[in-house]
């Protein structure tokens, strides 16, 4: 029986950005006065979730496409949140979404909201 694997494809920012996001999360904890579920999650930019039986072949395809991508800068401004059920996800807004959307589009064939 084959196992269906579930993944989340993300872009990992530099360590400097990860450290800054961790600092902001600690500040939010201080302001809220309590912990919250994603306090210690790693900073990332979500591209898309996917499910795959043949994980390695899909990852090789993604690696091949991503290797063709030229470097780009990501600029963030302000905070926002997504509602999903009774939960909320606080995120930073990405100003120029096109290079990130261009990475995800061949795989998702739908519009994403990078955050």
N, C-alpha and C. Protein backbone atom coordinates (compact mmCIF):
# COMPACT_ATOMS: atom_id res chain seq x y z
N UNK A 1 0.83 -1.18 0.00
CA UNK A 1 0.00 0.00 0.00
C UNK A 1 0.88 1.24 0.00
N UNK A 2 0.60 2.18 -0.90
CA UNK A 2 1.38 3.40 -0.99
C UNK A 2 0.89 4.40 0.04
N UNK A 3 1.83 5.17 0.56
CA UNK A 3 1.51 6.20 1.54
C UNK A 3 1.40 7.55 0.86
N UNK A 4 0.34 8.27 1.15
CA UNK A 4 0.17 9.62 0.63
C UNK A 4 0.91 10.56 1.56
N UNK A 5 1.90 11.28 1.01
CA UNK A 5 2.70 12.21 1.79
C UNK A 5 2.14 13.62 1.62
N UNK A 6 2.05 14.36 2.70
CA UNK A 6 1.58 15.74 2.65
C UNK A 6 2.74 16.68 2.98
N UNK A 7 2.92 17.70 2.14
CA UNK A 7 4.03 18.63 2.28
C UNK A 7 3.54 20.06 2.14
N UNK A 8 4.39 20.98 2.55
CA UNK A 8 4.15 22.40 2.35
C UNK A 8 5.42 22.95 1.71
N UNK A 9 5.32 23.43 0.49
CA UNK A 9 6.48 24.00 -0.19
C UNK A 9 6.61 25.45 0.23
N UNK A 10 7.80 25.82 0.73
CA UNK A 10 8.03 27.16 1.26
C UNK A 10 9.34 27.72 0.74
N UNK A 11 9.47 29.05 0.86
CA UNK A 11 10.74 29.73 0.62
C UNK A 11 11.27 30.10 2.00
N UNK A 12 12.51 29.74 2.26
CA UNK A 12 13.13 30.07 3.54
C UNK A 12 13.93 31.36 3.40
N UNK A 13 13.65 32.35 4.24
CA UNK A 13 14.42 33.60 4.17
C UNK A 13 15.80 33.44 4.80
N UNK A 14 16.59 34.48 4.71
CA UNK A 14 17.93 34.46 5.31
C UNK A 14 17.81 34.36 6.84
N UNK A 15 18.90 34.00 7.47
CA UNK A 15 18.92 33.89 8.93
C UNK A 15 18.63 35.24 9.58
N UNK A 16 19.09 36.31 8.97
CA UNK A 16 18.84 37.65 9.50
C UNK A 16 17.34 37.92 9.58
N UNK A 17 16.62 37.58 8.51
CA UNK A 17 15.17 37.77 8.48
C UNK A 17 14.50 36.85 9.49
N UNK A 18 14.95 35.60 9.57
CA UNK A 18 14.36 34.67 10.54
C UNK A 18 14.53 35.20 11.96
N UNK A 19 15.71 35.75 12.27
CA UNK A 19 15.95 36.30 13.60
C UNK A 19 15.04 37.50 13.87
N UNK A 20 14.84 38.34 12.87
CA UNK A 20 13.99 39.51 13.04
C UNK A 20 12.53 39.10 13.26
N UNK A 21 12.07 38.12 12.51
CA UNK A 21 10.70 37.63 12.69
C UNK A 21 10.54 37.03 14.08
N UNK A 22 11.54 36.30 14.55
CA UNK A 22 11.48 35.76 15.92
C UNK A 22 11.38 36.88 16.95
N UNK A 23 12.13 37.95 16.74
CA UNK A 23 12.05 39.11 17.63
C UNK A 23 10.63 39.69 17.61
N UNK A 24 10.06 39.86 16.41
CA UNK A 24 8.70 40.40 16.30
C UNK A 24 7.68 39.50 17.00
N UNK A 25 7.87 38.20 16.89
CA UNK A 25 6.96 37.26 17.56
C UNK A 25 7.06 37.39 19.08
N UNK A 26 8.26 37.59 19.58
CA UNK A 26 8.42 37.78 21.03
C UNK A 26 7.77 39.09 21.48
N UNK A 27 7.88 40.12 20.63
CA UNK A 27 7.22 41.39 20.95
C UNK A 27 5.70 41.22 20.97
N UNK A 28 5.17 40.44 20.03
CA UNK A 28 3.73 40.18 20.01
C UNK A 28 3.31 39.43 21.26
N UNK A 29 4.11 38.47 21.68
CA UNK A 29 3.82 37.75 22.92
C UNK A 29 3.77 38.72 24.10
N UNK A 30 4.73 39.65 24.14
CA UNK A 30 4.77 40.63 25.23
C UNK A 30 3.51 41.50 25.21
N UNK A 31 3.10 41.94 24.01
CA UNK A 31 1.92 42.78 23.88
C UNK A 31 0.64 42.01 24.26
N UNK A 32 0.54 40.77 23.78
CA UNK A 32 -0.64 39.96 24.08
C UNK A 32 -0.70 39.52 25.54
N UNK A 33 0.48 39.31 26.10
CA UNK A 33 0.54 38.85 27.47
C UNK A 33 0.47 37.34 27.62
N UNK A 34 0.57 36.62 26.51
CA UNK A 34 0.54 35.15 26.58
C UNK A 34 1.15 34.55 25.31
N UNK A 35 1.47 33.25 25.40
CA UNK A 35 1.98 32.51 24.24
C UNK A 35 0.86 32.33 23.22
N UNK A 36 1.23 31.94 22.02
CA UNK A 36 0.27 31.59 20.98
C UNK A 36 0.88 30.45 20.16
N UNK A 37 0.05 29.68 19.44
CA UNK A 37 0.53 28.44 18.83
C UNK A 37 1.75 28.56 17.91
N UNK A 38 1.87 29.62 17.13
CA UNK A 38 2.98 29.69 16.16
C UNK A 38 4.17 30.50 16.68
N UNK A 39 4.24 30.73 17.97
CA UNK A 39 5.30 31.55 18.54
C UNK A 39 6.69 31.05 18.13
N UNK A 40 6.89 29.76 18.09
CA UNK A 40 8.22 29.23 17.80
C UNK A 40 8.32 28.60 16.40
N UNK A 41 7.34 28.85 15.55
CA UNK A 41 7.44 28.32 14.18
C UNK A 41 8.52 29.08 13.41
N UNK A 42 9.11 28.41 12.44
CA UNK A 42 10.19 28.99 11.64
C UNK A 42 9.61 29.94 10.60
N UNK A 43 10.23 31.11 10.45
CA UNK A 43 9.79 32.07 9.44
C UNK A 43 9.94 31.48 8.05
N UNK A 44 8.93 31.68 7.22
CA UNK A 44 8.95 31.15 5.86
C UNK A 44 7.90 31.89 5.01
N UNK A 45 8.00 31.73 3.70
CA UNK A 45 6.98 32.21 2.78
C UNK A 45 6.32 30.99 2.18
N UNK A 46 5.04 30.85 2.43
CA UNK A 46 4.30 29.70 1.95
C UNK A 46 4.06 29.80 0.45
N UNK A 47 4.43 28.76 -0.28
CA UNK A 47 4.09 28.70 -1.71
C UNK A 47 2.79 27.92 -1.88
N UNK A 48 2.80 26.64 -1.49
CA UNK A 48 1.58 25.85 -1.60
C UNK A 48 1.75 24.51 -0.87
N UNK A 49 0.63 23.96 -0.41
CA UNK A 49 0.66 22.60 0.13
C UNK A 49 0.49 21.61 -1.03
N UNK A 50 0.99 20.42 -0.87
CA UNK A 50 0.75 19.41 -1.88
C UNK A 50 0.79 18.02 -1.25
N UNK A 51 0.13 17.11 -1.92
CA UNK A 51 0.12 15.70 -1.52
C UNK A 51 0.74 14.91 -2.66
N UNK A 52 1.51 13.91 -2.31
CA UNK A 52 2.23 13.18 -3.35
C UNK A 52 2.52 11.76 -2.88
N UNK A 53 2.30 10.82 -3.77
CA UNK A 53 2.68 9.43 -3.50
C UNK A 53 4.14 9.20 -3.85
N UNK A 54 4.59 9.78 -4.96
CA UNK A 54 5.95 9.58 -5.45
C UNK A 54 6.77 10.83 -5.14
N UNK A 55 7.09 11.02 -3.90
CA UNK A 55 7.70 12.24 -3.40
C UNK A 55 8.97 12.64 -4.14
N UNK A 56 9.87 11.71 -4.31
CA UNK A 56 11.16 12.07 -4.90
C UNK A 56 11.04 12.59 -6.31
N UNK A 57 10.21 11.99 -7.13
CA UNK A 57 10.09 12.45 -8.51
C UNK A 57 9.52 13.87 -8.57
N UNK A 58 8.53 14.16 -7.72
CA UNK A 58 7.95 15.50 -7.69
C UNK A 58 8.99 16.52 -7.23
N UNK A 59 9.75 16.19 -6.20
CA UNK A 59 10.77 17.11 -5.70
C UNK A 59 11.86 17.37 -6.74
N UNK A 60 12.21 16.37 -7.53
CA UNK A 60 13.18 16.59 -8.62
C UNK A 60 12.61 17.54 -9.66
N UNK A 61 11.32 17.42 -9.96
CA UNK A 61 10.69 18.34 -10.91
C UNK A 61 10.71 19.77 -10.37
N UNK A 62 10.36 19.93 -9.10
CA UNK A 62 10.36 21.26 -8.48
C UNK A 62 11.78 21.82 -8.47
N UNK A 63 12.74 21.01 -8.08
CA UNK A 63 14.14 21.47 -8.05
C UNK A 63 14.59 21.94 -9.43
N UNK A 64 14.23 21.21 -10.46
CA UNK A 64 14.60 21.57 -11.82
C UNK A 64 14.00 22.93 -12.21
N UNK A 65 12.75 23.17 -11.89
CA UNK A 65 12.10 24.44 -12.22
C UNK A 65 12.66 25.59 -11.38
N UNK A 66 12.85 25.35 -10.10
CA UNK A 66 13.34 26.40 -9.21
C UNK A 66 14.77 26.80 -9.58
N UNK A 67 15.56 25.86 -10.06
CA UNK A 67 16.95 26.18 -10.43
C UNK A 67 17.01 27.16 -11.60
N UNK A 68 15.93 27.29 -12.35
CA UNK A 68 15.88 28.24 -13.48
C UNK A 68 15.51 29.66 -13.02
N UNK A 69 15.05 29.78 -11.80
CA UNK A 69 14.58 31.07 -11.27
C UNK A 69 15.77 31.98 -10.97
N UNK A 70 15.69 33.22 -11.41
CA UNK A 70 16.71 34.19 -11.06
C UNK A 70 16.42 34.73 -9.66
N UNK A 71 17.44 35.13 -8.92
CA UNK A 71 17.22 35.67 -7.57
C UNK A 71 16.31 36.90 -7.59
N UNK A 72 15.58 37.10 -6.52
CA UNK A 72 14.72 38.28 -6.40
C UNK A 72 14.65 38.70 -4.93
N UNK A 73 14.33 39.95 -4.72
CA UNK A 73 14.15 40.48 -3.38
C UNK A 73 12.69 40.38 -2.99
N UNK A 74 12.46 40.21 -1.71
CA UNK A 74 11.10 40.19 -1.17
C UNK A 74 10.99 41.36 -0.21
N UNK A 75 10.02 42.21 -0.45
CA UNK A 75 9.78 43.35 0.42
C UNK A 75 8.47 43.14 1.16
N UNK A 76 8.51 43.34 2.46
CA UNK A 76 7.30 43.17 3.27
C UNK A 76 6.92 44.51 3.89
N UNK A 77 5.64 44.67 4.13
CA UNK A 77 5.13 45.89 4.75
C UNK A 77 3.84 45.54 5.48
N UNK A 78 3.75 45.99 6.68
CA UNK A 78 2.54 45.84 7.49
C UNK A 78 2.25 44.39 7.84
N UNK A 79 1.29 44.24 8.70
CA UNK A 79 0.84 42.93 9.13
C UNK A 79 -0.62 42.77 8.77
N UNK A 80 -1.02 41.53 8.63
CA UNK A 80 -2.42 41.21 8.38
C UNK A 80 -2.67 39.85 8.99
N UNK A 81 -3.86 39.30 8.76
CA UNK A 81 -4.15 37.96 9.25
C UNK A 81 -5.16 37.28 8.36
N UNK A 82 -5.09 35.95 8.37
CA UNK A 82 -6.07 35.11 7.70
C UNK A 82 -6.95 34.50 8.77
N UNK A 83 -8.23 34.39 8.50
CA UNK A 83 -9.13 33.66 9.38
C UNK A 83 -9.32 32.27 8.78
N UNK A 84 -9.21 31.27 9.61
CA UNK A 84 -9.54 29.92 9.18
C UNK A 84 -10.20 29.23 10.36
N UNK A 85 -11.52 29.18 10.28
CA UNK A 85 -12.30 28.67 11.40
C UNK A 85 -12.20 29.65 12.55
N UNK A 86 -11.96 29.14 13.74
CA UNK A 86 -11.82 30.01 14.91
C UNK A 86 -10.39 30.49 15.09
N UNK A 87 -9.48 30.03 14.24
CA UNK A 87 -8.07 30.39 14.33
C UNK A 87 -7.74 31.56 13.41
N UNK A 88 -6.62 32.20 13.70
CA UNK A 88 -6.10 33.29 12.89
C UNK A 88 -4.61 33.03 12.64
N UNK A 89 -4.16 33.41 11.46
CA UNK A 89 -2.73 33.37 11.15
C UNK A 89 -2.28 34.79 10.90
N UNK A 90 -1.40 35.29 11.75
CA UNK A 90 -0.83 36.63 11.56
C UNK A 90 0.34 36.49 10.60
N UNK A 91 0.41 37.39 9.63
CA UNK A 91 1.49 37.32 8.66
C UNK A 91 1.89 38.72 8.23
N UNK A 92 3.06 38.80 7.60
CA UNK A 92 3.54 40.06 7.03
C UNK A 92 3.12 40.08 5.56
N UNK A 93 2.66 41.24 5.09
CA UNK A 93 2.24 41.39 3.70
C UNK A 93 3.45 41.54 2.78
N UNK A 94 3.46 40.80 1.71
CA UNK A 94 4.52 40.89 0.71
C UNK A 94 4.07 41.89 -0.34
N UNK A 95 4.92 42.89 -0.62
CA UNK A 95 4.54 43.96 -1.54
C UNK A 95 4.50 43.51 -3.00
N UNK A 96 5.55 42.92 -3.49
CA UNK A 96 5.61 42.51 -4.91
C UNK A 96 5.51 40.99 -4.97
N UNK A 97 4.33 40.51 -5.21
CA UNK A 97 4.05 39.08 -5.13
C UNK A 97 4.41 38.29 -6.39
N UNK A 98 4.60 38.98 -7.52
CA UNK A 98 4.73 38.28 -8.80
C UNK A 98 5.85 37.25 -8.87
N UNK A 99 7.08 37.50 -8.40
CA UNK A 99 8.08 36.44 -8.55
C UNK A 99 7.73 35.19 -7.74
N UNK A 100 7.09 35.39 -6.61
CA UNK A 100 6.70 34.25 -5.76
C UNK A 100 5.55 33.50 -6.41
N UNK A 101 4.57 34.24 -6.90
CA UNK A 101 3.43 33.62 -7.58
C UNK A 101 3.89 32.87 -8.82
N UNK A 102 4.88 33.43 -9.52
CA UNK A 102 5.41 32.78 -10.72
C UNK A 102 6.05 31.43 -10.39
N UNK A 103 6.64 31.32 -9.21
CA UNK A 103 7.23 30.04 -8.79
C UNK A 103 6.15 28.99 -8.54
N UNK A 104 5.05 29.41 -7.94
CA UNK A 104 4.00 28.47 -7.55
C UNK A 104 3.04 28.11 -8.67
N UNK A 105 2.81 29.04 -9.60
CA UNK A 105 1.76 28.86 -10.62
C UNK A 105 1.87 27.58 -11.43
N UNK A 106 3.05 27.17 -11.90
CA UNK A 106 3.09 25.93 -12.69
C UNK A 106 2.59 24.71 -11.92
N UNK A 107 2.69 24.75 -10.61
CA UNK A 107 2.31 23.59 -9.80
C UNK A 107 0.88 23.68 -9.29
N UNK A 108 0.43 24.88 -9.01
CA UNK A 108 -0.91 25.04 -8.41
C UNK A 108 -1.98 25.36 -9.44
N UNK A 109 -1.59 26.03 -10.50
CA UNK A 109 -2.52 26.51 -11.53
C UNK A 109 -3.66 27.34 -10.93
N UNK A 110 -3.32 28.03 -9.84
CA UNK A 110 -4.29 28.93 -9.23
C UNK A 110 -3.54 30.09 -8.59
N UNK A 111 -4.26 31.15 -8.28
CA UNK A 111 -3.66 32.32 -7.67
C UNK A 111 -3.40 32.03 -6.19
N UNK A 112 -2.20 32.33 -5.74
CA UNK A 112 -1.88 32.15 -4.33
C UNK A 112 -1.71 33.51 -3.68
N UNK A 113 -1.73 33.53 -2.36
CA UNK A 113 -1.48 34.75 -1.60
C UNK A 113 -0.21 34.51 -0.78
N UNK A 114 0.96 34.85 -1.35
CA UNK A 114 2.19 34.62 -0.60
C UNK A 114 2.19 35.47 0.68
N UNK A 115 2.64 34.86 1.74
CA UNK A 115 2.71 35.54 3.03
C UNK A 115 3.80 34.93 3.88
